[in-house]
């Protein structure tokens, strides 16, 4: 009976570690996605500013 209980405890610990690892991996992926989104937002803002500047130059030249 002790062996079965020990096996069960070991199995439960392994499952908890697996769950913790999965959660940590998910957190890392979310963090990377948030950083990528921030970078894309900065690039979009810069592109929109450049478009606005070019439109102003076009209006001025006409």
N, C-alpha and C. Protein backbone atom coordinates (compact mmCIF):
# COMPACT_ATOMS: atom_id res chain seq x y z
N UNK A 1 0.82 -1.19 0.00
CA UNK A 1 0.00 0.00 0.00
C UNK A 1 0.86 1.26 0.00
N UNK A 2 1.98 1.25 0.75
CA UNK A 2 2.87 2.41 0.79
C UNK A 2 3.44 2.72 -0.58
N UNK A 3 3.75 1.68 -1.33
CA UNK A 3 4.32 1.87 -2.67
C UNK A 3 3.30 2.57 -3.56
N UNK A 4 2.05 2.13 -3.50
CA UNK A 4 1.00 2.76 -4.31
C UNK A 4 0.83 4.23 -3.93
N UNK A 5 0.84 4.52 -2.63
CA UNK A 5 0.70 5.91 -2.18
C UNK A 5 1.89 6.74 -2.64
N UNK A 6 3.08 6.17 -2.55
CA UNK A 6 4.28 6.87 -3.00
C UNK A 6 4.23 7.13 -4.50
N UNK A 7 3.80 6.14 -5.26
CA UNK A 7 3.65 6.31 -6.71
C UNK A 7 2.62 7.39 -7.02
N UNK A 8 1.53 7.36 -6.28
CA UNK A 8 0.47 8.36 -6.50
C UNK A 8 0.99 9.77 -6.19
N UNK A 9 1.72 9.92 -5.08
CA UNK A 9 2.28 11.24 -4.73
C UNK A 9 3.27 11.70 -5.80
N UNK A 10 4.11 10.79 -6.27
CA UNK A 10 5.08 11.13 -7.30
C UNK A 10 4.37 11.54 -8.59
N UNK A 11 3.32 10.82 -8.94
CA UNK A 11 2.54 11.15 -10.13
C UNK A 11 1.91 12.53 -9.99
N UNK A 12 1.33 12.82 -8.82
CA UNK A 12 0.68 14.10 -8.59
C UNK A 12 1.71 15.24 -8.64
N UNK A 13 2.89 15.01 -8.08
CA UNK A 13 3.94 16.03 -8.14
C UNK A 13 4.38 16.28 -9.58
N UNK A 14 4.51 15.21 -10.34
CA UNK A 14 4.89 15.35 -11.75
C UNK A 14 3.83 16.13 -12.52
N UNK A 15 2.56 15.85 -12.24
CA UNK A 15 1.48 16.58 -12.90
C UNK A 15 1.49 18.06 -12.52
N UNK A 16 1.76 18.35 -11.25
CA UNK A 16 1.83 19.74 -10.81
C UNK A 16 2.99 20.46 -11.49
N UNK A 17 4.14 19.80 -11.59
CA UNK A 17 5.29 20.40 -12.26
C UNK A 17 4.99 20.64 -13.73
N UNK A 18 4.34 19.69 -14.36
CA UNK A 18 3.97 19.84 -15.77
C UNK A 18 3.02 21.02 -15.94
N UNK A 19 2.06 21.14 -15.06
CA UNK A 19 1.11 22.25 -15.10
C UNK A 19 1.83 23.59 -14.90
N UNK A 20 2.75 23.63 -13.94
CA UNK A 20 3.52 24.85 -13.69
C UNK A 20 4.36 25.22 -14.91
N UNK A 21 4.97 24.23 -15.54
CA UNK A 21 5.78 24.48 -16.73
C UNK A 21 4.91 25.00 -17.87
N UNK A 22 3.74 24.39 -18.08
CA UNK A 22 2.82 24.85 -19.11
C UNK A 22 2.40 26.30 -18.87
N UNK A 23 2.12 26.62 -17.61
CA UNK A 23 1.71 27.98 -17.26
C UNK A 23 2.85 28.96 -17.51
N UNK A 24 4.06 28.57 -17.14
CA UNK A 24 5.22 29.43 -17.35
C UNK A 24 5.45 29.66 -18.85
N UNK A 25 5.32 28.60 -19.63
CA UNK A 25 5.50 28.71 -21.08
C UNK A 25 4.45 29.65 -21.67
N UNK A 26 3.23 29.54 -21.19
CA UNK A 26 2.16 30.42 -21.66
C UNK A 26 2.47 31.87 -21.31
N UNK A 27 2.95 32.10 -20.09
CA UNK A 27 3.30 33.46 -19.67
C UNK A 27 4.40 34.03 -20.57
N UNK A 28 5.38 33.22 -20.92
CA UNK A 28 6.46 33.68 -21.79
C UNK A 28 5.93 34.01 -23.18
N UNK A 29 5.02 33.19 -23.69
CA UNK A 29 4.45 33.46 -25.02
C UNK A 29 3.61 34.72 -25.00
N UNK A 30 2.85 34.94 -23.93
CA UNK A 30 2.04 36.15 -23.82
C UNK A 30 2.94 37.38 -23.75
N UNK A 31 4.02 37.28 -22.97
CA UNK A 31 4.95 38.41 -22.85
C UNK A 31 5.57 38.73 -24.22
N UNK A 32 5.97 37.70 -24.95
CA UNK A 32 6.56 37.91 -26.28
C UNK A 32 5.54 38.52 -27.23
N UNK A 33 4.29 38.07 -27.16
CA UNK A 33 3.24 38.63 -28.01
C UNK A 33 2.99 40.09 -27.67
N UNK A 34 2.99 40.41 -26.39
CA UNK A 34 2.78 41.81 -25.98
C UNK A 34 3.92 42.70 -26.47
N UNK A 35 5.14 42.21 -26.39
CA UNK A 35 6.29 42.98 -26.88
C UNK A 35 6.20 43.17 -28.40
N UNK A 36 5.80 42.13 -29.11
CA UNK A 36 5.65 42.23 -30.57
C UNK A 36 4.56 43.23 -30.92
N UNK A 37 3.46 43.19 -30.17
CA UNK A 37 2.36 44.14 -30.41
C UNK A 37 2.83 45.57 -30.19
N UNK A 38 3.60 45.79 -29.14
CA UNK A 38 4.12 47.12 -28.84
C UNK A 38 5.03 47.62 -29.97
N UNK A 39 5.89 46.74 -30.45
CA UNK A 39 6.79 47.10 -31.55
C UNK A 39 5.99 47.44 -32.81
N UNK A 40 4.98 46.64 -33.11
CA UNK A 40 4.15 46.89 -34.29
C UNK A 40 3.39 48.21 -34.15
N UNK A 41 2.91 48.49 -32.94
CA UNK A 41 2.19 49.74 -32.71
C UNK A 41 3.11 50.94 -32.92
N UNK A 42 4.35 50.84 -32.47
CA UNK A 42 5.32 51.92 -32.68
C UNK A 42 5.59 52.12 -34.17
N UNK A 43 5.74 51.02 -34.89
CA UNK A 43 5.98 51.12 -36.34
C UNK A 43 4.78 51.71 -37.05
N UNK A 44 3.58 51.33 -36.63
CA UNK A 44 2.36 51.87 -37.22
C UNK A 44 2.27 53.37 -36.98
N UNK A 45 2.56 53.79 -35.76
CA UNK A 45 2.52 55.21 -35.43
C UNK A 45 3.51 55.99 -36.28
N UNK A 46 4.71 55.46 -36.45
CA UNK A 46 5.72 56.12 -37.27
C UNK A 46 5.28 56.18 -38.73
N UNK A 47 4.69 55.11 -39.23
CA UNK A 47 4.22 55.08 -40.62
C UNK A 47 3.08 56.07 -40.83
N UNK A 48 2.17 56.16 -39.86
CA UNK A 48 1.07 57.12 -39.97
C UNK A 48 1.59 58.55 -39.96
N UNK A 49 2.60 58.83 -39.15
CA UNK A 49 3.20 60.17 -39.11
C UNK A 49 3.87 60.48 -40.44
N UNK A 50 4.54 59.50 -41.01
CA UNK A 50 5.19 59.71 -42.30
C UNK A 50 4.16 59.94 -43.40
N UNK A 51 3.07 59.21 -43.39
CA UNK A 51 2.00 59.41 -44.37
C UNK A 51 1.43 60.81 -44.25
N UNK A 52 1.18 61.24 -43.02
CA UNK A 52 0.65 62.58 -42.80
C UNK A 52 1.62 63.64 -43.32
N UNK A 53 2.90 63.45 -43.05
CA UNK A 53 3.92 64.39 -43.52
C UNK A 53 3.95 64.42 -45.05
N UNK A 54 3.90 63.28 -45.67
CA UNK A 54 3.92 63.22 -47.14
C UNK A 54 2.67 63.85 -47.74
N UNK A 55 1.53 63.66 -47.10
CA UNK A 55 0.29 64.28 -47.60
C UNK A 55 0.38 65.80 -47.48
N UNK A 56 0.96 66.29 -46.39
CA UNK A 56 1.15 67.74 -46.24
C UNK A 56 2.06 68.28 -47.32
N UNK A 57 3.15 67.56 -47.61
CA UNK A 57 4.08 67.99 -48.65
C UNK A 57 3.40 67.98 -50.02
N UNK A 58 2.55 66.98 -50.26
CA UNK A 58 1.83 66.90 -51.53
C UNK A 58 0.88 68.08 -51.66
N UNK A 59 0.15 68.38 -50.60
CA UNK A 59 -0.78 69.52 -50.63
C UNK A 59 -0.04 70.82 -50.87
N UNK A 60 1.12 70.96 -50.26
CA UNK A 60 1.91 72.18 -50.40
C UNK A 60 2.43 72.33 -51.83
N UNK A 61 2.78 71.23 -52.46
CA UNK A 61 3.35 71.29 -53.80
C UNK A 61 2.31 71.53 -54.88
N UNK A 62 1.05 71.36 -54.55
CA UNK A 62 0.02 71.51 -55.59
C UNK A 62 -0.46 72.89 -55.67
